[in-house]
Amino acid sequence: MKKLSFLVALATVLFASSLMANEIATLRQGVPLDVVNDNPAPLTNDANTDKKEVRAYPMQPPLIPHKITNYQVDLKANKCLSCHARDQVGDSQATMISVTHFMDRDGNFLADVSPRRYFCTQCHVPQAEGKKDLLVNEYEDIKTVLKK
């Protein structure tokens, strides 16, 4: 087991080294991970369009199409559920959270949101305003691949 762990760690280091050697474009502007960037790019505003964004890849969690600044999402409260919970969507007209969020790890349906799906922003993020393609994206969806 120790030998396997060592091999995985070695492979990870070699892979990371090869990535740095190829100088992949990142939002860190070439600053290595172990160095503090003294001149970071300015933060952008969250988009507030309330318009559903097209997903970039299959099974991507939907982006949050509105500002969530100061939303409380912790053990005591979840502001997202005040609009997106099953019993609130009639009044709020927000999209109801997926039925998968009501399942436990064994596939059993629960009466309320599963604890493993309670912290929305661990998967869902707001869309930032600004330039759309900061990095070149060569992803092709399945329809494009099948047309070729």
N, C-alpha and C. Protein backbone atom coordinates (compact mmCIF):
# COMPACT_ATOMS: atom_id res chain seq x y z
N MET A 1 0.82 -1.20 0.00
CA MET A 1 0.00 0.00 0.00
C MET A 1 0.86 1.26 0.00
N LYS A 2 1.96 1.23 0.82
CA LYS A 2 2.85 2.38 0.86
C LYS A 2 3.51 2.61 -0.49
N LYS A 3 3.84 1.50 -1.18
CA LYS A 3 4.48 1.60 -2.48
C LYS A 3 3.53 2.27 -3.49
N LEU A 4 2.24 1.89 -3.45
CA LEU A 4 1.24 2.47 -4.33
C LEU A 4 1.07 3.96 -4.05
N SER A 5 1.00 4.33 -2.76
CA SER A 5 0.87 5.74 -2.40
C SER A 5 2.05 6.55 -2.90
N PHE A 6 3.25 5.97 -2.76
CA PHE A 6 4.45 6.65 -3.23
C PHE A 6 4.40 6.84 -4.74
N LEU A 7 3.97 5.81 -5.46
CA LEU A 7 3.90 5.91 -6.93
C LEU A 7 2.88 6.95 -7.37
N VAL A 8 1.76 7.02 -6.69
CA VAL A 8 0.74 8.02 -7.02
C VAL A 8 1.29 9.42 -6.76
N ALA A 9 1.97 9.60 -5.62
CA ALA A 9 2.57 10.91 -5.31
C ALA A 9 3.62 11.28 -6.33
N LEU A 10 4.45 10.33 -6.72
CA LEU A 10 5.50 10.59 -7.71
C LEU A 10 4.89 10.96 -9.06
N ALA A 11 3.86 10.23 -9.47
CA ALA A 11 3.18 10.54 -10.73
C ALA A 11 2.57 11.94 -10.71
N THR A 12 2.00 12.31 -9.57
CA THR A 12 1.40 13.64 -9.43
C THR A 12 2.45 14.73 -9.57
N VAL A 13 3.59 14.55 -8.91
CA VAL A 13 4.68 15.53 -9.00
C VAL A 13 5.21 15.63 -10.42
N LEU A 14 5.41 14.50 -11.07
CA LEU A 14 5.91 14.51 -12.45
C LEU A 14 4.92 15.17 -13.40
N PHE A 15 3.63 14.88 -13.20
CA PHE A 15 2.60 15.49 -14.03
C PHE A 15 2.57 17.00 -13.84
N ALA A 16 2.62 17.44 -12.59
CA ALA A 16 2.61 18.88 -12.29
C ALA A 16 3.85 19.55 -12.88
N SER A 17 4.99 18.89 -12.79
CA SER A 17 6.22 19.45 -13.36
C SER A 17 6.12 19.59 -14.87
N SER A 18 5.52 18.59 -15.52
CA SER A 18 5.38 18.66 -16.97
C SER A 18 4.42 19.77 -17.38
N LEU A 19 3.38 20.00 -16.56
CA LEU A 19 2.45 21.09 -16.85
C LEU A 19 3.17 22.44 -16.77
N MET A 20 3.99 22.61 -15.72
CA MET A 20 4.71 23.88 -15.57
C MET A 20 5.70 24.08 -16.71
N ALA A 21 6.31 22.99 -17.17
CA ALA A 21 7.28 23.10 -18.26
C ALA A 21 6.60 23.55 -19.55
N ASN A 22 5.35 23.16 -19.73
CA ASN A 22 4.62 23.54 -20.95
C ASN A 22 3.98 24.91 -20.83
N GLU A 23 4.06 25.53 -19.67
CA GLU A 23 3.52 26.85 -19.41
C GLU A 23 2.07 27.00 -19.87
N ILE A 24 1.21 26.26 -19.23
CA ILE A 24 -0.22 26.33 -19.54
C ILE A 24 -0.75 27.69 -19.11
N ALA A 25 -1.59 28.29 -19.95
CA ALA A 25 -2.19 29.59 -19.63
C ALA A 25 -3.13 29.43 -18.46
N THR A 26 -2.97 30.27 -17.45
CA THR A 26 -3.83 30.23 -16.28
C THR A 26 -4.24 31.64 -15.90
N LEU A 27 -5.20 31.74 -15.00
CA LEU A 27 -5.62 33.04 -14.50
C LEU A 27 -4.63 33.59 -13.48
N ARG A 28 -3.60 32.81 -13.11
CA ARG A 28 -2.57 33.27 -12.17
C ARG A 28 -1.51 34.10 -12.88
N GLN A 29 -1.63 34.31 -14.18
CA GLN A 29 -0.73 35.16 -14.96
C GLN A 29 0.72 34.73 -14.85
N GLY A 30 0.96 33.41 -14.85
CA GLY A 30 2.32 32.90 -14.82
C GLY A 30 2.96 32.86 -13.45
N VAL A 31 2.27 33.27 -12.41
CA VAL A 31 2.82 33.24 -11.05
C VAL A 31 2.68 31.81 -10.51
N PRO A 32 3.79 31.18 -10.07
CA PRO A 32 3.71 29.80 -9.55
C PRO A 32 2.78 29.71 -8.34
N LEU A 33 2.27 28.50 -8.09
CA LEU A 33 1.33 28.30 -7.00
C LEU A 33 1.93 28.57 -5.62
N ASP A 34 3.23 28.36 -5.49
CA ASP A 34 3.86 28.55 -4.18
C ASP A 34 4.34 29.98 -3.94
N VAL A 35 3.96 30.91 -4.82
CA VAL A 35 4.35 32.32 -4.71
C VAL A 35 3.09 33.17 -4.61
N VAL A 36 3.09 34.15 -3.70
CA VAL A 36 1.96 35.06 -3.56
C VAL A 36 1.99 36.06 -4.71
N ASN A 37 0.88 36.21 -5.40
CA ASN A 37 0.79 37.16 -6.50
C ASN A 37 0.53 38.55 -5.92
N ASP A 38 1.50 39.43 -6.01
CA ASP A 38 1.36 40.78 -5.45
C ASP A 38 0.52 41.70 -6.33
N ASN A 39 0.21 41.26 -7.55
CA ASN A 39 -0.55 42.09 -8.47
C ASN A 39 -1.67 41.25 -9.10
N PRO A 40 -2.63 40.77 -8.30
CA PRO A 40 -3.68 39.91 -8.85
C PRO A 40 -4.64 40.70 -9.73
N ALA A 41 -5.31 39.98 -10.60
CA ALA A 41 -6.33 40.60 -11.44
C ALA A 41 -7.47 41.09 -10.55
N PRO A 42 -8.08 42.22 -10.88
CA PRO A 42 -9.18 42.72 -10.04
C PRO A 42 -10.38 41.78 -10.08
N LEU A 43 -11.12 41.72 -8.98
CA LEU A 43 -12.32 40.91 -8.93
C LEU A 43 -13.36 41.51 -9.87
N THR A 44 -14.16 40.66 -10.45
CA THR A 44 -15.23 41.13 -11.33
C THR A 44 -16.55 41.06 -10.58
N ASN A 45 -17.53 41.75 -11.09
CA ASN A 45 -18.87 41.69 -10.51
C ASN A 45 -19.56 40.42 -10.97
N ASP A 46 -20.43 39.90 -10.11
CA ASP A 46 -21.25 38.76 -10.51
C ASP A 46 -22.32 39.24 -11.47
N ALA A 47 -22.59 38.44 -12.50
CA ALA A 47 -23.67 38.77 -13.42
C ALA A 47 -24.99 38.70 -12.66
N ASN A 48 -25.93 39.52 -13.04
CA ASN A 48 -27.22 39.55 -12.37
C ASN A 48 -28.32 39.58 -13.42
N THR A 49 -28.27 38.61 -14.34
CA THR A 49 -29.19 38.61 -15.47
C THR A 49 -30.47 37.80 -15.20
N ASP A 50 -30.42 36.88 -14.24
CA ASP A 50 -31.50 35.93 -14.00
C ASP A 50 -31.83 35.11 -15.24
N LYS A 51 -30.84 34.98 -16.12
CA LYS A 51 -30.99 34.22 -17.35
C LYS A 51 -30.17 32.94 -17.23
N LYS A 52 -30.76 31.79 -17.51
CA LYS A 52 -30.03 30.53 -17.41
C LYS A 52 -28.90 30.51 -18.43
N GLU A 53 -27.70 30.17 -17.97
CA GLU A 53 -26.54 30.07 -18.84
C GLU A 53 -26.48 28.67 -19.46
N VAL A 54 -25.95 28.59 -20.67
CA VAL A 54 -25.75 27.30 -21.32
C VAL A 54 -24.62 26.60 -20.59
N ARG A 55 -24.78 25.32 -20.35
CA ARG A 55 -23.74 24.57 -19.65
C ARG A 55 -22.60 24.25 -20.61
N ALA A 56 -21.38 24.27 -20.10
CA ALA A 56 -20.20 24.08 -20.93
C ALA A 56 -19.88 22.61 -21.18
N TYR A 57 -20.37 21.71 -20.33
CA TYR A 57 -20.07 20.29 -20.48
C TYR A 57 -21.19 19.48 -19.82
N PRO A 58 -21.35 18.21 -20.20
CA PRO A 58 -22.41 17.39 -19.62
C PRO A 58 -22.26 17.27 -18.11
N MET A 59 -23.35 17.28 -17.41
CA MET A 59 -23.42 17.13 -15.96
C MET A 59 -22.81 18.32 -15.20
N GLN A 60 -22.55 19.43 -15.88
CA GLN A 60 -22.06 20.62 -15.19
C GLN A 60 -23.16 21.15 -14.28
N PRO A 61 -22.84 21.46 -13.03
CA PRO A 61 -23.85 22.09 -12.18
C PRO A 61 -24.24 23.44 -12.78
N PRO A 62 -25.52 23.78 -12.79
CA PRO A 62 -25.91 25.06 -13.37
C PRO A 62 -25.24 26.23 -12.66
N LEU A 63 -24.93 27.27 -13.42
CA LEU A 63 -24.37 28.49 -12.85
C LEU A 63 -25.48 29.26 -12.16
N ILE A 64 -25.12 30.06 -11.18
CA ILE A 64 -26.09 30.90 -10.48
C ILE A 64 -26.23 32.19 -11.28
N PRO A 65 -27.41 32.50 -11.82
CA PRO A 65 -27.56 33.66 -12.72
C PRO A 65 -27.89 34.98 -12.00
N HIS A 66 -27.58 35.05 -10.72
CA HIS A 66 -27.86 36.28 -9.98
C HIS A 66 -26.81 36.46 -8.89
N LYS A 67 -26.76 37.64 -8.32
CA LYS A 67 -25.80 37.92 -7.26
C LYS A 67 -26.15 37.15 -5.99
N ILE A 68 -25.13 36.67 -5.30
CA ILE A 68 -25.36 35.97 -4.03
C ILE A 68 -24.52 36.58 -2.92
N THR A 69 -24.06 37.79 -3.13
CA THR A 69 -23.27 38.47 -2.11
C THR A 69 -24.07 38.54 -0.81
N ASN A 70 -23.44 38.18 0.28
CA ASN A 70 -24.04 38.19 1.62
C ASN A 70 -25.13 37.13 1.82
N TYR A 71 -25.21 36.13 0.94
CA TYR A 71 -26.14 35.03 1.18
C TYR A 71 -25.56 34.17 2.29
N GLN A 72 -26.38 33.83 3.26
CA GLN A 72 -25.92 32.95 4.33
C GLN A 72 -26.19 31.51 3.92
N VAL A 73 -25.11 30.74 3.82
CA VAL A 73 -25.21 29.31 3.56
C VAL A 73 -24.25 28.64 4.54
N ASP A 74 -24.78 28.20 5.65
CA ASP A 74 -23.98 27.54 6.68
C ASP A 74 -24.87 26.57 7.44
N LEU A 75 -24.39 26.03 8.54
CA LEU A 75 -25.17 25.05 9.29
C LEU A 75 -26.47 25.61 9.85
N LYS A 76 -26.54 26.93 10.03
CA LYS A 76 -27.72 27.55 10.63
C LYS A 76 -28.79 27.94 9.61
N ALA A 77 -28.37 28.28 8.39
CA ALA A 77 -29.34 28.75 7.40
C ALA A 77 -28.80 28.55 5.98
N ASN A 78 -29.73 28.48 5.03
CA ASN A 78 -29.37 28.39 3.62
C ASN A 78 -30.31 29.33 2.86
N LYS A 79 -29.81 30.51 2.51
CA LYS A 79 -30.60 31.53 1.82
C LYS A 79 -31.11 31.03 0.47
N CYS A 80 -30.37 30.17 -0.18
CA CYS A 80 -30.79 29.67 -1.50
C CYS A 80 -32.15 28.97 -1.42
N LEU A 81 -32.37 28.25 -0.32
CA LEU A 81 -33.61 27.49 -0.18
C LEU A 81 -34.83 28.38 0.03
N SER A 82 -34.63 29.66 0.35
CA SER A 82 -35.78 30.54 0.51
C SER A 82 -36.49 30.78 -0.82
N CYS A 83 -35.83 30.51 -1.94
CA CYS A 83 -36.47 30.62 -3.26
C CYS A 83 -36.52 29.29 -4.00
N HIS A 84 -35.48 28.47 -3.86
CA HIS A 84 -35.35 27.27 -4.68
C HIS A 84 -35.87 25.99 -4.04
N ALA A 85 -36.33 26.04 -2.80
CA ALA A 85 -36.90 24.86 -2.14
C ALA A 85 -38.22 24.49 -2.82
N ARG A 86 -38.55 23.23 -2.70
CA ARG A 86 -39.75 22.70 -3.36
C ARG A 86 -41.00 23.50 -3.02
N ASP A 87 -41.16 23.91 -1.76
CA ASP A 87 -42.37 24.61 -1.36
C ASP A 87 -42.31 26.12 -1.58
N GLN A 88 -41.22 26.65 -2.14
CA GLN A 88 -41.08 28.09 -2.37
C GLN A 88 -41.15 28.49 -3.83
N VAL A 89 -40.95 27.56 -4.76
CA VAL A 89 -40.84 27.93 -6.18
C VAL A 89 -42.14 28.49 -6.75
N GLY A 90 -43.26 28.15 -6.19
CA GLY A 90 -44.53 28.71 -6.67
C GLY A 90 -44.59 30.21 -6.49
N ASP A 91 -44.13 30.69 -5.36
CA ASP A 91 -44.13 32.13 -5.09
C ASP A 91 -42.94 32.85 -5.72
N SER A 92 -41.77 32.21 -5.68
CA SER A 92 -40.55 32.89 -6.14
C SER A 92 -40.35 32.80 -7.65
N GLN A 93 -40.95 31.80 -8.30
CA GLN A 93 -40.76 31.52 -9.72
C GLN A 93 -39.31 31.13 -10.04
N ALA A 94 -38.56 30.72 -9.03
CA ALA A 94 -37.19 30.25 -9.22
C ALA A 94 -37.23 28.79 -9.65
N THR A 95 -36.15 28.32 -10.22
CA THR A 95 -36.04 26.91 -10.59
C THR A 95 -35.94 26.07 -9.33
N MET A 96 -36.71 24.99 -9.28
CA MET A 96 -36.64 24.11 -8.12
C MET A 96 -35.34 23.32 -8.17
N ILE A 97 -34.74 23.08 -7.01
CA ILE A 97 -33.53 22.28 -6.98
C ILE A 97 -33.85 20.87 -7.47
N SER A 98 -32.86 20.24 -8.07
CA SER A 98 -33.04 18.93 -8.68
C SER A 98 -33.46 17.88 -7.66
N VAL A 99 -34.21 16.89 -8.13
CA VAL A 99 -34.61 15.80 -7.24
C VAL A 99 -33.41 15.03 -6.71
N THR A 100 -32.28 15.09 -7.43
CA THR A 100 -31.07 14.41 -6.94
C THR A 100 -30.59 15.00 -5.63
N HIS A 101 -30.96 16.23 -5.33
CA HIS A 101 -30.55 16.87 -4.08
C HIS A 101 -31.33 16.35 -2.88
N PHE A 102 -32.36 15.54 -3.13
CA PHE A 102 -33.17 14.96 -2.06
C PHE A 102 -32.83 13.48 -1.83
N MET A 103 -31.73 13.02 -2.43
CA MET A 103 -31.34 11.61 -2.31
C MET A 103 -30.14 11.47 -1.38
N ASP A 104 -30.14 10.40 -0.59
CA ASP A 104 -28.96 10.13 0.21
C ASP A 104 -27.96 9.33 -0.63
N ARG A 105 -26.83 8.97 -0.06
CA ARG A 105 -25.80 8.30 -0.85
C ARG A 105 -26.21 6.91 -1.31
N ASP A 106 -27.26 6.34 -0.71
CA ASP A 106 -27.74 5.02 -1.11
C ASP A 106 -28.88 5.09 -2.12
N GLY A 107 -29.24 6.31 -2.56
CA GLY A 107 -30.29 6.46 -3.55
C GLY A 107 -31.69 6.55 -2.97
N ASN A 108 -31.81 6.63 -1.67
CA ASN A 108 -33.13 6.76 -1.02
C ASN A 108 -33.55 8.23 -1.03
N PHE A 109 -34.83 8.46 -1.33
CA PHE A 109 -35.35 9.83 -1.34
C PHE A 109 -35.68 10.28 0.07
N LEU A 110 -35.30 11.52 0.36
CA LEU A 110 -35.53 12.12 1.67
C LEU A 110 -36.63 13.16 1.58
N ALA A 111 -37.19 13.54 2.71
CA ALA A 111 -38.24 14.56 2.74
C ALA A 111 -37.66 15.96 2.54
N ASP A 112 -36.39 16.14 2.85
CA ASP A 112 -35.74 17.44 2.75
C ASP A 112 -34.41 17.29 2.01
N VAL A 113 -33.75 18.38 1.76
CA VAL A 113 -32.47 18.37 1.05
C VAL A 113 -31.46 17.51 1.80
N SER A 114 -30.76 16.68 1.06
CA SER A 114 -29.74 15.82 1.64
C SER A 114 -28.62 16.66 2.24
N PRO A 115 -28.09 16.28 3.39
CA PRO A 115 -26.98 17.04 3.99
C PRO A 115 -25.78 17.16 3.05
N ARG A 116 -25.56 16.17 2.19
CA ARG A 116 -24.41 16.25 1.28
C ARG A 116 -24.67 17.20 0.11
N ARG A 117 -25.88 17.69 -0.04
CA ARG A 117 -26.21 18.64 -1.11
C ARG A 117 -26.66 19.99 -0.55
N TYR A 118 -26.51 20.20 0.73
CA TYR A 118 -27.03 21.40 1.40
C TYR A 118 -26.21 22.65 1.10
N PHE A 119 -24.90 22.52 0.94
CA PHE A 119 -24.03 23.68 0.73
C PHE A 119 -23.90 23.95 -0.77
N CYS A 120 -24.82 24.72 -1.30
CA CYS A 120 -24.99 24.94 -2.74
C CYS A 120 -23.71 25.38 -3.45
N THR A 121 -22.98 26.29 -2.83
CA THR A 121 -21.82 26.88 -3.52
C THR A 121 -20.61 25.97 -3.55
N GLN A 122 -20.72 24.75 -3.05
CA GLN A 122 -19.61 23.83 -3.26
C GLN A 122 -19.65 23.29 -4.70
N CYS A 123 -20.78 23.42 -5.37
CA CYS A 123 -20.89 23.01 -6.78
C CYS A 123 -21.34 24.15 -7.70
N HIS A 124 -22.26 24.98 -7.23
CA HIS A 124 -22.82 26.05 -8.05
C HIS A 124 -22.10 27.36 -7.76
N VAL A 125 -21.78 28.09 -8.84
CA VAL A 125 -21.08 29.37 -8.69
C VAL A 125 -21.77 30.43 -9.54
N PRO A 126 -21.66 31.70 -9.14
CA PRO A 126 -22.23 32.76 -9.97
C PRO A 126 -21.36 32.98 -11.21
N GLN A 127 -21.97 33.45 -12.26
CA GLN A 127 -21.24 33.81 -13.49
C GLN A 127 -20.70 35.22 -13.31
N ALA A 128 -19.44 35.42 -13.64
CA ALA A 128 -18.83 36.74 -13.53
C ALA A 128 -19.10 37.56 -14.78
N GLU A 129 -19.28 38.87 -14.60
CA GLU A 129 -19.38 39.77 -15.75
C GLU A 129 -17.98 39.96 -16.31
N GLY A 130 -17.89 40.33 -17.54
CA GLY A 130 -16.57 40.60 -18.12
C GLY A 130 -16.34 39.79 -19.37
N LYS A 131 -15.07 39.71 -19.75
CA LYS A 131 -14.71 38.96 -20.94
C LYS A 131 -15.15 37.52 -20.78
N LYS A 132 -15.77 36.96 -21.80
CA LYS A 132 -16.29 35.61 -21.70
C LYS A 132 -15.18 34.56 -21.73
N ASP A 133 -14.24 34.67 -22.65
CA ASP A 133 -13.23 33.64 -22.80
C ASP A 133 -11.88 34.13 -22.33
N LEU A 134 -11.62 34.00 -21.02
CA LEU A 134 -10.33 34.40 -20.48
C LEU A 134 -9.24 33.40 -20.88
N LEU A 135 -9.64 32.15 -21.04
CA LEU A 135 -8.76 31.10 -21.51
C LEU A 135 -9.43 30.42 -22.68
N VAL A 136 -8.64 29.95 -23.62
CA VAL A 136 -9.19 29.26 -24.79
C VAL A 136 -9.79 27.93 -24.33
N ASN A 137 -11.01 27.68 -24.74
CA ASN A 137 -11.71 26.45 -24.39
C ASN A 137 -11.92 25.64 -25.65
N GLU A 138 -11.32 24.47 -25.70
CA GLU A 138 -11.42 23.62 -26.89
C GLU A 138 -12.44 22.50 -26.69
N TYR A 139 -13.25 22.61 -25.65
CA TYR A 139 -14.26 21.59 -25.39
C TYR A 139 -15.27 21.56 -26.52
N GLU A 140 -15.65 20.35 -26.94
CA GLU A 140 -16.70 20.18 -27.94
C GLU A 140 -17.79 19.32 -27.31
N ASP A 141 -19.04 19.77 -27.41
CA ASP A 141 -20.10 18.98 -26.84
C ASP A 141 -20.37 17.77 -27.75
N ILE A 142 -21.14 16.82 -27.25
CA ILE A 142 -21.37 15.56 -27.94
C ILE A 142 -22.04 15.75 -29.29
N LYS A 143 -22.93 16.74 -29.42
CA LYS A 143 -23.58 16.98 -30.72
C LYS A 143 -22.58 17.37 -31.79
N THR A 144 -21.61 18.21 -31.41
CA THR A 144 -20.57 18.63 -32.35
C THR A 144 -19.69 17.45 -32.75
N VAL A 145 -19.33 16.63 -31.78
CA VAL A 145 -18.48 15.47 -32.04
C VAL A 145 -19.20 14.50 -32.97
N LEU A 146 -20.50 14.25 -32.73
CA LEU A 146 -21.24 13.31 -33.56
C LEU A 146 -21.46 13.82 -34.98
N LYS A 147 -21.52 15.14 -35.17
CA LYS A 147 -21.69 15.70 -36.51
C LYS A 147 -20.44 15.50 -37.36
N LYS A 148 -19.27 15.41 -36.72
CA LYS A 148 -18.02 15.20 -37.45
C LYS A 148 -17.99 13.83 -37.98
